[in-house]
Amino acid sequence: IDVCDDMDYSWRAKAFHEEAKAQGVPAITTAGIYPGVSNVMAAELVNAARSEDGEPERLRFFYYTAGSGGAGPTILATSFLLLGEDVIAYNKGEEIKLKPYSGVLNIDFGKGVRKRDVYLLNLPEVKSAHKFLGVPTVSARFGTAPFFWNWGMEAFANFLPVELLRDKDKVGKLVEQIDPLVRAIDGIVGERVSMRVDLECSNGRNTIGLFSHRKLSVSVGHSTAAFVQAVLEGSTQPGVWFPEEPEGIAIESRKLLLERASQGTTNFVMNK
């Protein structure tokens, strides 16, 4: 398994599918918390809707992590690099490109987190969910705390040259300068993480999945281990799969994976 959260990388990993299949190697890409557990949550919402004759029309991923989530420079560098990428989303089956860290929405993540602003980012679960779950309209948004970090991200996306944001060396140097301040504020805001997945169907059926944990560092460990355990138990067929593909995590294994991944959560609900 790998835990990447990059659109381009995940599809390059998927390109090894036939080779992995021929060699009898089961593999899953984007198998962390988000993307990863969030993909499986989406697959379960879609499966439940179709079992009740609902046809999914719109799927939206919303993510919130306080500060750097305890990941420090890693998540900072990833976030800055994402600000240099056009956001790929889908509207009624058509691929569209949008500006990174735009399209702000105020989303209620439930108890312990409540309402937070989230912004568009280019995340791989958007394309994989559109393709493999067959949902025509899909997007993903992310937000952080304290609120002024969001303002900073928005300013970087609007005013820094795209060439800088796409240069890993320059982004690395920028992160080195900002990291001490981020770590200081992390000590105040903590590392709470929350994911909300919303599904809207043609028959008026609207459902959500919600997942919140006090510590991202602990939760991502449980989430990754849940994928490892599923592969070891034989849930994954030979080939390279995204988490929502039934050959990656078998439909009958999804509930158990979510139970394992949601250990220690302060809030975990599905199909509400």
C-alpha atoms as a PDB file:
ATOM      1  CA  ILE A   1       0.000   0.000   0.000  1.00  0.00           C
ATOM      2  CA  ASP A   2       1.010   3.628  -0.258  1.00  0.00           C
ATOM      3  CA  VAL A   3      -0.408   6.671   1.499  1.00  0.00           C
ATOM      4  CA  CYS A   4       0.149   9.353  -1.156  1.00  0.00           C
ATOM      5  CA  ASP A   5      -2.299  12.208  -1.528  1.00  0.00           C
ATOM      6  CA  ASP A   6      -1.180  13.420  -4.954  1.00  0.00           C
ATOM      7  CA  MET A   7      -3.405  13.160  -8.041  1.00  0.00           C
ATOM      8  CA  ASP A   8      -0.593  12.639 -10.574  1.00  0.00           C
ATOM      9  CA  TYR A   9       1.378  10.193  -8.426  1.00  0.00           C
ATOM     10  CA  SER A  10      -1.651   8.027  -7.638  1.00  0.00           C
ATOM     11  CA  TRP A  11      -2.474   7.564 -11.320  1.00  0.00           C
ATOM     12  CA  ARG A  12       1.159   6.791 -12.122  1.00  0.00           C
ATOM     13  CA  ALA A  13       0.944   4.100  -9.430  1.00  0.00           C
ATOM     14  CA  LYS A  14      -2.271   2.837 -11.037  1.00  0.00           C
ATOM     15  CA  ALA A  15      -0.341   2.475 -14.315  1.00  0.00           C
ATOM     16  CA  PHE A  16       1.429  -0.562 -12.768  1.00  0.00           C
ATOM     17  CA  HIS A  17      -1.927  -2.376 -12.528  1.00  0.00           C
ATOM     18  CA  GLU A  18      -1.396  -4.947 -15.290  1.00  0.00           C
ATOM     19  CA  GLU A  19       2.160  -5.685 -14.159  1.00  0.00           C
ATOM     20  CA  ALA A  20       1.039  -6.191 -10.558  1.00  0.00           C
ATOM     21  CA  LYS A  21      -1.854  -8.380 -11.717  1.00  0.00           C
ATOM     22  CA  ALA A  22       0.480 -10.548 -13.822  1.00  0.00           C
ATOM     23  CA  GLN A  23       2.840 -10.982 -10.859  1.00  0.00           C
ATOM     24  CA  GLY A  24       0.000 -11.752  -8.424  1.00  0.00           C
ATOM     25  CA  VAL A  25       0.740  -8.679  -6.274  1.00  0.00           C
ATOM     26  CA  PRO A  26      -2.190  -6.975  -4.478  1.00  0.00           C
ATOM     27  CA  ALA A  27      -1.652  -3.215  -4.053  1.00  0.00           C
ATOM     28  CA  ILE A  28      -3.691  -0.170  -2.983  1.00  0.00           C
ATOM     29  CA  THR A  29      -2.782   3.462  -3.649  1.00  0.00           C
ATOM     30  CA  THR A  30      -3.956   6.490  -1.595  1.00  0.00           C
ATOM     31  CA  ALA A  31      -4.537   4.200   1.400  1.00  0.00           C
ATOM     32  CA  GLY A  32      -4.285   6.581   4.347  1.00  0.00           C
ATOM     33  CA  ILE A  33      -6.917   8.587   6.179  1.00  0.00           C
ATOM     34  CA  TYR A  34      -7.791  11.147   3.457  1.00  0.00           C
ATOM     35  CA  PRO A  35      -7.628  10.004   0.789  1.00  0.00           C
ATOM     36  CA  GLY A  36      -8.130   6.410   1.930  1.00  0.00           C
ATOM     37  CA  VAL A  37     -10.705   5.965   4.656  1.00  0.00           C
ATOM     38  CA  SER A  38     -12.686   8.837   3.116  1.00  0.00           C
ATOM     39  CA  ASN A  39     -12.853   6.897  -0.195  1.00  0.00           C
ATOM     40  CA  VAL A  40     -14.258   3.855   1.601  1.00  0.00           C
ATOM     41  CA  MET A  41     -16.801   6.049   3.408  1.00  0.00           C
ATOM     42  CA  ALA A  42     -17.896   7.420   0.017  1.00  0.00           C
ATOM     43  CA  ALA A  43     -18.146   3.908  -1.445  1.00  0.00           C
ATOM     44  CA  GLU A  44     -20.358   2.813   1.452  1.00  0.00           C
ATOM     45  CA  LEU A  45     -22.659   5.837   1.031  1.00  0.00           C
ATOM     46  CA  VAL A  46     -22.981   5.159  -2.706  1.00  0.00           C
ATOM     47  CA  ASN A  47     -23.582   1.436  -2.162  1.00  0.00           C
ATOM     48  CA  ALA A  48     -26.302   2.113   0.444  1.00  0.00           C
ATOM     49  CA  ALA A  49     -27.995   4.658  -1.836  1.00  0.00           C
ATOM     50  CA  ARG A  50     -28.077   2.293  -4.803  1.00  0.00           C
ATOM     51  CA  SER A  51     -29.447  -0.515  -2.638  1.00  0.00           C
ATOM     52  CA  GLU A  52     -32.469   1.747  -2.040  1.00  0.00           C
ATOM     53  CA  ASP A  53     -32.848   2.638  -5.743  1.00  0.00           C
ATOM     54  CA  GLY A  54     -31.163   6.012  -5.393  1.00  0.00           C
ATOM     55  CA  GLU A  55     -28.870   7.194  -8.187  1.00  0.00           C
ATOM     56  CA  PRO A  56     -25.951   9.268  -6.805  1.00  0.00           C
ATOM     57  CA  GLU A  57     -25.689  12.716  -8.379  1.00  0.00           C
ATOM     58  CA  ARG A  58     -23.239  14.702  -6.249  1.00  0.00           C
ATOM     59  CA  LEU A  59     -20.441  13.621  -3.904  1.00  0.00           C
ATOM     60  CA  ARG A  60     -18.475  16.130  -1.834  1.00  0.00           C
ATOM     61  CA  PHE A  61     -15.462  15.534   0.408  1.00  0.00           C
ATOM     62  CA  PHE A  62     -14.853  18.027   3.232  1.00  0.00           C
ATOM     63  CA  TYR A  63     -11.728  17.850   5.417  1.00  0.00           C
ATOM     64  CA  TYR A  64     -10.519  19.769   8.444  1.00  0.00           C
ATOM     65  CA  THR A  65      -7.213  19.459  10.308  1.00  0.00           C
ATOM     66  CA  ALA A  66      -6.133  21.766  13.131  1.00  0.00           C
ATOM     67  CA  GLY A  67      -2.710  23.280  12.487  1.00  0.00           C
ATOM     68  CA  SER A  68      -0.337  20.855  10.792  1.00  0.00           C
ATOM     69  CA  GLY A  69      -2.039  17.872  12.425  1.00  0.00           C
ATOM     70  CA  GLY A  70       1.225  17.029  14.174  1.00  0.00           C
ATOM     71  CA  ALA A  71       2.860  16.315  10.800  1.00  0.00           C
ATOM     72  CA  GLY A  72       4.871  19.542  10.742  1.00  0.00           C
ATOM     73  CA  PRO A  73       6.921  20.205   7.575  1.00  0.00           C
ATOM     74  CA  THR A  74       5.430  17.252   5.674  1.00  0.00           C
ATOM     75  CA  ILE A  75       1.865  18.539   5.535  1.00  0.00           C
ATOM     76  CA  LEU A  76       3.085  22.122   5.038  1.00  0.00           C
ATOM     77  CA  ALA A  77       5.133  21.181   1.970  1.00  0.00           C
ATOM     78  CA  THR A  78       2.277  19.088   0.564  1.00  0.00           C
ATOM     79  CA  SER A  79      -0.198  21.929   1.066  1.00  0.00           C
ATOM     80  CA  PHE A  80       2.022  24.513  -0.626  1.00  0.00           C
ATOM     81  CA  LEU A  81       2.675  22.212  -3.599  1.00  0.00           C
ATOM     82  CA  LEU A  82      -1.094  21.666  -3.968  1.00  0.00           C
ATOM     83  CA  LEU A  83      -1.551  25.446  -4.163  1.00  0.00           C
ATOM     84  CA  GLY A  84       0.398  25.307  -7.425  1.00  0.00           C
ATOM     85  CA  GLU A  85      -2.008  22.822  -9.027  1.00  0.00           C
ATOM     86  CA  ASP A  86      -5.293  23.527 -10.778  1.00  0.00           C
ATOM     87  CA  VAL A  87      -8.150  21.827  -8.953  1.00  0.00           C
ATOM     88  CA  ILE A  88      -9.735  19.012 -10.966  1.00  0.00           C
ATOM     89  CA  ALA A  89     -13.426  18.553 -10.158  1.00  0.00           C
ATOM     90  CA  TYR A  90     -16.413  17.084 -11.988  1.00  0.00           C
ATOM     91  CA  ASN A  91     -19.723  18.744 -12.803  1.00  0.00           C
ATOM     92  CA  LYS A  92     -22.457  16.545 -14.321  1.00  0.00           C
ATOM     93  CA  GLY A  93     -19.860  14.223 -15.811  1.00  0.00           C
ATOM     94  CA  GLU A  94     -17.646  16.955 -17.229  1.00  0.00           C
ATOM     95  CA  GLU A  95     -14.107  17.486 -15.923  1.00  0.00           C
ATOM     96  CA  ILE A  96     -13.552  21.108 -14.903  1.00  0.00           C
ATOM     97  CA  LYS A  97     -10.510  23.006 -13.633  1.00  0.00           C
ATOM     98  CA  LEU A  98     -10.835  25.476 -10.775  1.00  0.00           C
ATOM     99  CA  LYS A  99      -8.516  27.798  -8.859  1.00  0.00           C
ATOM    100  CA  PRO A 100      -6.810  26.231  -5.805  1.00  0.00           C
ATOM    101  CA  TYR A 101      -8.002  27.376  -2.368  1.00  0.00           C
ATOM    102  CA  SER A 102     -11.080  29.060  -3.812  1.00  0.00           C
ATOM    103  CA  GLY A 103     -14.798  28.267  -3.494  1.00  0.00           C
ATOM    104  CA  VAL A 104     -14.936  28.584   0.299  1.00  0.00           C
ATOM    105  CA  LEU A 105     -17.835  26.871   2.096  1.00  0.00           C
ATOM    106  CA  ASN A 106     -18.697  26.915   5.804  1.00  0.00           C
ATOM    107  CA  ILE A 107     -19.281  23.264   6.773  1.00  0.00           C
ATOM    108  CA  ASP A 108     -20.568  21.785  10.054  1.00  0.00           C
ATOM    109  CA  PHE A 109     -18.318  18.887  11.138  1.00  0.00           C
ATOM    110  CA  GLY A 110     -20.445  18.079  14.188  1.00  0.00           C
ATOM    111  CA  LYS A 111     -19.538  17.884  17.863  1.00  0.00           C
ATOM    112  CA  GLY A 112     -16.032  18.868  18.885  1.00  0.00           C
ATOM    113  CA  VAL A 113     -15.293  20.672  15.609  1.00  0.00           C
ATOM    114  CA  ARG A 114     -18.489  22.417  14.485  1.00  0.00           C
ATOM    115  CA  LYS A 115     -18.501  24.905  11.590  1.00  0.00           C
ATOM    116  CA  ARG A 116     -15.271  25.443   9.651  1.00  0.00           C
ATOM    117  CA  ASP A 117     -14.354  27.120   6.383  1.00  0.00           C
ATOM    118  CA  VAL A 118     -13.065  24.732   3.707  1.00  0.00           C
ATOM    119  CA  TYR A 119     -11.504  25.458   0.312  1.00  0.00           C
ATOM    120  CA  LEU A 120     -11.074  23.604  -2.986  1.00  0.00           C
ATOM    121  CA  LEU A 121      -7.906  21.505  -3.379  1.00  0.00           C
ATOM    122  CA  ASN A 122      -6.714  19.080  -6.056  1.00  0.00           C
ATOM    123  CA  LEU A 123      -7.091  15.718  -4.290  1.00  0.00           C
ATOM    124  CA  PRO A 124      -6.978  12.259  -5.951  1.00  0.00           C
ATOM    125  CA  GLU A 125     -10.196  10.885  -4.458  1.00  0.00           C
ATOM    126  CA  VAL A 126     -12.173  13.296  -6.665  1.00  0.00           C
ATOM    127  CA  LYS A 127     -11.074  11.627  -9.904  1.00  0.00           C
ATOM    128  CA  SER A 128     -11.101   8.064  -8.548  1.00  0.00           C
ATOM    129  CA  ALA A 129     -14.577   8.431  -6.993  1.00  0.00           C
ATOM    130  CA  HIS A 130     -15.935   9.919 -10.213  1.00  0.00           C
ATOM    131  CA  LYS A 131     -14.439   7.120 -12.285  1.00  0.00           C
ATOM    132  CA  PHE A 132     -14.978   4.079 -10.057  1.00  0.00           C
ATOM    133  CA  LEU A 133     -18.129   5.025  -8.121  1.00  0.00           C
ATOM    134  CA  GLY A 134     -19.773   6.579 -11.173  1.00  0.00           C
ATOM    135  CA  VAL A 135     -20.843   9.827  -9.496  1.00  0.00           C
ATOM    136  CA  PRO A 136     -21.179  12.646 -12.083  1.00  0.00           C
ATOM    137  CA  THR A 137     -20.440  15.620  -9.777  1.00  0.00           C
ATOM    138  CA  VAL A 138     -17.504  15.365  -7.336  1.00  0.00           C
ATOM    139  CA  SER A 139     -15.298  17.859  -5.454  1.00  0.00           C
ATOM    140  CA  ALA A 140     -13.023  18.033  -2.388  1.00  0.00           C
ATOM    141  CA  ARG A 141     -12.352  20.864   0.055  1.00  0.00           C
ATOM    142  CA  PHE A 142      -9.951  21.319   2.965  1.00  0.00           C
ATOM    143  CA  GLY A 143      -9.588  23.801   5.812  1.00  0.00           C
ATOM    144  CA  THR A 144      -7.336  24.306   8.810  1.00  0.00           C
ATOM    145  CA  ALA A 145      -7.101  26.279  12.057  1.00  0.00           C
ATOM    146  CA  PRO A 146      -6.439  28.879  13.261  1.00  0.00           C
ATOM    147  CA  PHE A 147      -8.510  30.760  10.701  1.00  0.00           C
ATOM    148  CA  PHE A 148      -5.622  33.007   9.615  1.00  0.00           C
ATOM    149  CA  TRP A 149      -3.735  29.983   8.225  1.00  0.00           C
ATOM    150  CA  ASN A 150      -6.554  29.703   5.686  1.00  0.00           C
ATOM    151  CA  TRP A 151      -6.110  33.364   4.809  1.00  0.00           C
ATOM    152  CA  GLY A 152      -2.386  32.745   4.341  1.00  0.00           C
ATOM    153  CA  MET A 153      -3.010  29.752   2.071  1.00  0.00           C
ATOM    154  CA  GLU A 154      -5.488  31.776   0.039  1.00  0.00           C
ATOM    155  CA  ALA A 155      -2.964  34.616  -0.288  1.00  0.00           C
ATOM    156  CA  PHE A 156      -0.187  32.223  -1.384  1.00  0.00           C
ATOM    157  CA  ALA A 157      -2.476  30.710  -4.040  1.00  0.00           C
ATOM    158  CA  ASN A 158      -3.434  34.170  -5.323  1.00  0.00           C
ATOM    159  CA  PHE A 159      -0.156  36.061  -5.160  1.00  0.00           C
ATOM    160  CA  LEU A 160       2.836  33.684  -5.252  1.00  0.00           C
ATOM    161  CA  PRO A 161       4.062  32.699  -8.735  1.00  0.00           C
ATOM    162  CA  VAL A 162       2.877  29.241  -9.796  1.00  0.00           C
ATOM    163  CA  GLU A 163       6.480  28.413 -10.766  1.00  0.00           C
ATOM    164  CA  LEU A 164       7.549  28.880  -7.125  1.00  0.00           C
ATOM    165  CA  LEU A 165       4.704  26.763  -5.750  1.00  0.00           C
ATOM    166  CA  ARG A 166       5.626  23.938  -8.154  1.00  0.00           C
ATOM    167  CA  ASP A 167       9.343  24.020  -7.245  1.00  0.00           C
ATOM    168  CA  LYS A 168       9.971  21.478  -4.470  1.00  0.00           C
ATOM    169  CA  ASP A 169      13.312  23.027  -3.468  1.00  0.00           C
ATOM    170  CA  LYS A 170      11.890  26.537  -3.138  1.00  0.00           C
ATOM    171  CA  VAL A 171       8.820  25.240  -1.292  1.00  0.00           C
ATOM    172  CA  GLY A 172      11.156  23.330   1.052  1.00  0.00           C
ATOM    173  CA  LYS A 173      13.038  26.527   1.904  1.00  0.00           C
ATOM    174  CA  LEU A 174       9.772  28.394   2.462  1.00  0.00           C
ATOM    175  CA  VAL A 175       8.585  25.628   4.808  1.00  0.00           C
ATOM    176  CA  GLU A 176      11.858  25.802   6.784  1.00  0.00           C
ATOM    177  CA  GLN A 177      11.197  29.485   7.486  1.00  0.00           C
ATOM    178  CA  ILE A 178       7.557  29.025   8.501  1.00  0.00           C
ATOM    179  CA  ASP A 179       7.869  25.714  10.396  1.00  0.00           C
ATOM    180  CA  PRO A 180       8.907  27.121  13.829  1.00  0.00           C
ATOM    181  CA  LEU A 181       5.876  29.426  13.883  1.00  0.00           C
ATOM    182  CA  VAL A 182       3.562  26.588  12.786  1.00  0.00           C
ATOM    183  CA  ARG A 183       4.872  24.275  15.524  1.00  0.00           C
ATOM    184  CA  ALA A 184       4.393  26.982  18.166  1.00  0.00           C
ATOM    185  CA  ILE A 185       0.772  27.496  17.134  1.00  0.00           C
ATOM    186  CA  ASP A 186       0.237  23.714  16.830  1.00  0.00           C
ATOM    187  CA  GLY A 187       0.835  23.549  20.584  1.00  0.00           C
ATOM    188  CA  ILE A 188      -2.156  25.827  21.085  1.00  0.00           C
ATOM    189  CA  VAL A 189      -4.654  24.535  18.468  1.00  0.00           C
ATOM    190  CA  GLY A 190      -3.866  20.792  18.761  1.00  0.00           C
ATOM    191  CA  GLU A 191      -4.202  18.308  15.888  1.00  0.00           C
ATOM    192  CA  ARG A 192      -7.896  17.462  15.683  1.00  0.00           C
ATOM    193  CA  VAL A 193      -8.984  15.970  12.349  1.00  0.00           C
ATOM    194  CA  SER A 194     -12.455  15.660  10.833  1.00  0.00           C
ATOM    195  CA  MET A 195     -13.830  14.314   7.562  1.00  0.00           C
ATOM    196  CA  ARG A 196     -17.331  14.749   6.223  1.00  0.00           C
ATOM    197  CA  VAL A 197     -18.549  13.034   3.057  1.00  0.00           C
ATOM    198  CA  ASP A 198     -21.868  14.226   1.574  1.00  0.00           C
ATOM    199  CA  LEU A 199     -23.869  12.312  -1.041  1.00  0.00           C
ATOM    200  CA  GLU A 200     -26.911  13.665  -2.872  1.00  0.00           C
ATOM    201  CA  CYS A 201     -29.140  11.382  -4.983  1.00  0.00           C
ATOM    202  CA  SER A 202     -31.713  11.862  -7.723  1.00  0.00           C
ATOM    203  CA  ASN A 203     -34.561  10.590  -5.520  1.00  0.00           C
ATOM    204  CA  GLY A 204     -33.964  13.298  -2.907  1.00  0.00           C
ATOM    205  CA  ARG A 205     -32.033  10.965  -0.594  1.00  0.00           C
ATOM    206  CA  ASN A 206     -29.143  12.920   0.978  1.00  0.00           C
ATOM    207  CA  THR A 207     -26.731  11.166   3.360  1.00  0.00           C
ATOM    208  CA  ILE A 208     -23.465  11.959   5.106  1.00  0.00           C
ATOM    209  CA  GLY A 209     -20.567  10.125   6.714  1.00  0.00           C
ATOM    210  CA  LEU A 210     -18.668  11.859   9.525  1.00  0.00           C
ATOM    211  CA  PHE A 211     -15.325  10.949  11.126  1.00  0.00           C
ATOM    212  CA  SER A 212     -13.592  13.031  13.830  1.00  0.00           C
ATOM    213  CA  HIS A 213     -10.549  12.287  16.016  1.00  0.00           C
ATOM    214  CA  ARG A 214      -8.605  14.415  18.505  1.00  0.00           C
ATOM    215  CA  LYS A 215      -5.220  13.471  17.011  1.00  0.00           C
ATOM    216  CA  LEU A 216      -4.447  13.155  13.318  1.00  0.00           C
ATOM    217  CA  SER A 217      -1.132  11.384  14.051  1.00  0.00           C
ATOM    218  CA  VAL A 218      -2.919   8.589  15.943  1.00  0.00           C
ATOM    219  CA  SER A 219      -5.873   8.383  13.577  1.00  0.00           C
ATOM    220  CA  VAL A 220      -3.764   8.128  10.421  1.00  0.00           C
ATOM    221  CA  GLY A 221      -1.901   5.243  12.088  1.00  0.00           C
ATOM    222  CA  HIS A 222      -5.145   3.352  12.742  1.00  0.00           C
ATOM    223  CA  SER A 223      -6.348   4.120   9.209  1.00  0.00           C
ATOM    224  CA  THR A 224      -3.177   2.909   7.498  1.00  0.00           C
ATOM    225  CA  ALA A 225      -3.043  -0.200   9.671  1.00  0.00           C
ATOM    226  CA  ALA A 226      -6.663  -0.980   8.748  1.00  0.00           C
ATOM    227  CA  PHE A 227      -5.686  -1.078   5.062  1.00  0.00           C
ATOM    228  CA  VAL A 228      -2.614  -3.227   5.790  1.00  0.00           C
ATOM    229  CA  GLN A 229      -4.743  -5.685   7.753  1.00  0.00           C
ATOM    230  CA  ALA A 230      -7.339  -5.886   4.963  1.00  0.00           C
ATOM    231  CA  VAL A 231      -4.633  -6.708   2.401  1.00  0.00           C
ATOM    232  CA  LEU A 232      -3.072  -9.322   4.706  1.00  0.00           C
ATOM    233  CA  GLU A 233      -6.491 -10.930   5.233  1.00  0.00           C
ATOM    234  CA  GLY A 234      -6.908 -11.374   1.486  1.00  0.00           C
ATOM    235  CA  SER A 235      -9.444  -8.640   0.772  1.00  0.00           C
ATOM    236  CA  THR A 236      -7.345  -7.214  -2.086  1.00  0.00           C
ATOM    237  CA  GLN A 237      -7.055  -8.873  -5.487  1.00  0.00           C
ATOM    238  CA  PRO A 238      -3.822  -8.787  -7.536  1.00  0.00           C
ATOM    239  CA  GLY A 239      -3.395  -5.432  -9.292  1.00  0.00           C
ATOM    240  CA  VAL A 240      -3.217  -1.775  -8.238  1.00  0.00           C
ATOM    241  CA  TRP A 241      -6.468  -0.383  -6.864  1.00  0.00           C
ATOM    242  CA  PHE A 242      -7.942   2.741  -5.341  1.00  0.00           C
ATOM    243  CA  PRO A 243      -9.659   2.166  -1.938  1.00  0.00           C
ATOM    244  CA  GLU A 244     -13.199   2.522  -3.322  1.00  0.00           C
ATOM    245  CA  GLU A 245     -12.716  -0.176  -5.953  1.00  0.00           C
ATOM    246  CA  PRO A 246     -14.289  -3.469  -4.759  1.00  0.00           C
ATOM    247  CA  GLU A 247     -11.190  -5.353  -5.933  1.00  0.00           C
ATOM    248  CA  GLY A 248      -9.120  -3.165  -3.572  1.00  0.00           C
ATOM    249  CA  ILE A 249     -11.292  -3.384  -0.461  1.00  0.00           C
ATOM    250  CA  ALA A 250     -14.025  -5.952  -0.975  1.00  0.00           C
ATOM    251  CA  ILE A 251     -17.554  -4.614  -0.404  1.00  0.00           C
ATOM    252  CA  GLU A 252     -18.100  -7.050   2.456  1.00  0.00           C
ATOM    253  CA  SER A 253     -14.815  -5.905   4.094  1.00  0.00           C
ATOM    254  CA  ARG A 254     -15.549  -2.169   4.068  1.00  0.00           C
ATOM    255  CA  LYS A 255     -17.523  -2.070   7.310  1.00  0.00           C
ATOM    256  CA  LEU A 256     -14.747  -3.861   9.220  1.00  0.00           C
ATOM    257  CA  LEU A 257     -12.099  -1.540   7.762  1.00  0.00           C
ATOM    258  CA  LEU A 258     -14.095   1.502   8.890  1.00  0.00           C
ATOM    259  CA  GLU A 259     -14.551   0.005  12.370  1.00  0.00           C
ATOM    260  CA  ARG A 260     -10.793  -0.500  12.689  1.00  0.00           C
ATOM    261  CA  ALA A 261      -9.929   2.921  11.271  1.00  0.00           C
ATOM    262  CA  SER A 262     -12.402   4.706  13.550  1.00  0.00           C
ATOM    263  CA  GLN A 263     -10.810   3.492  16.816  1.00  0.00           C
ATOM    264  CA  GLY A 264     -10.693   6.357  19.307  1.00  0.00           C
ATOM    265  CA  THR A 265     -12.851   8.707  17.231  1.00  0.00           C
ATOM    266  CA  THR A 266     -14.893  11.314  19.063  1.00  0.00           C
ATOM    267  CA  ASN A 267     -17.572  11.106  16.359  1.00  0.00           C
ATOM    268  CA  PHE A 268     -18.147   8.467  13.705  1.00  0.00           C
ATOM    269  CA  VAL A 269     -21.442   8.131  11.845  1.00  0.00           C
ATOM    270  CA  MET A 270     -22.408   6.685   8.466  1.00  0.00           C
ATOM    271  CA  ASN A 271     -25.507   7.025   6.298  1.00  0.00           C
ATOM    272  CA  LYS A 272     -27.138   9.764   8.382  1.00  0.00           C
END
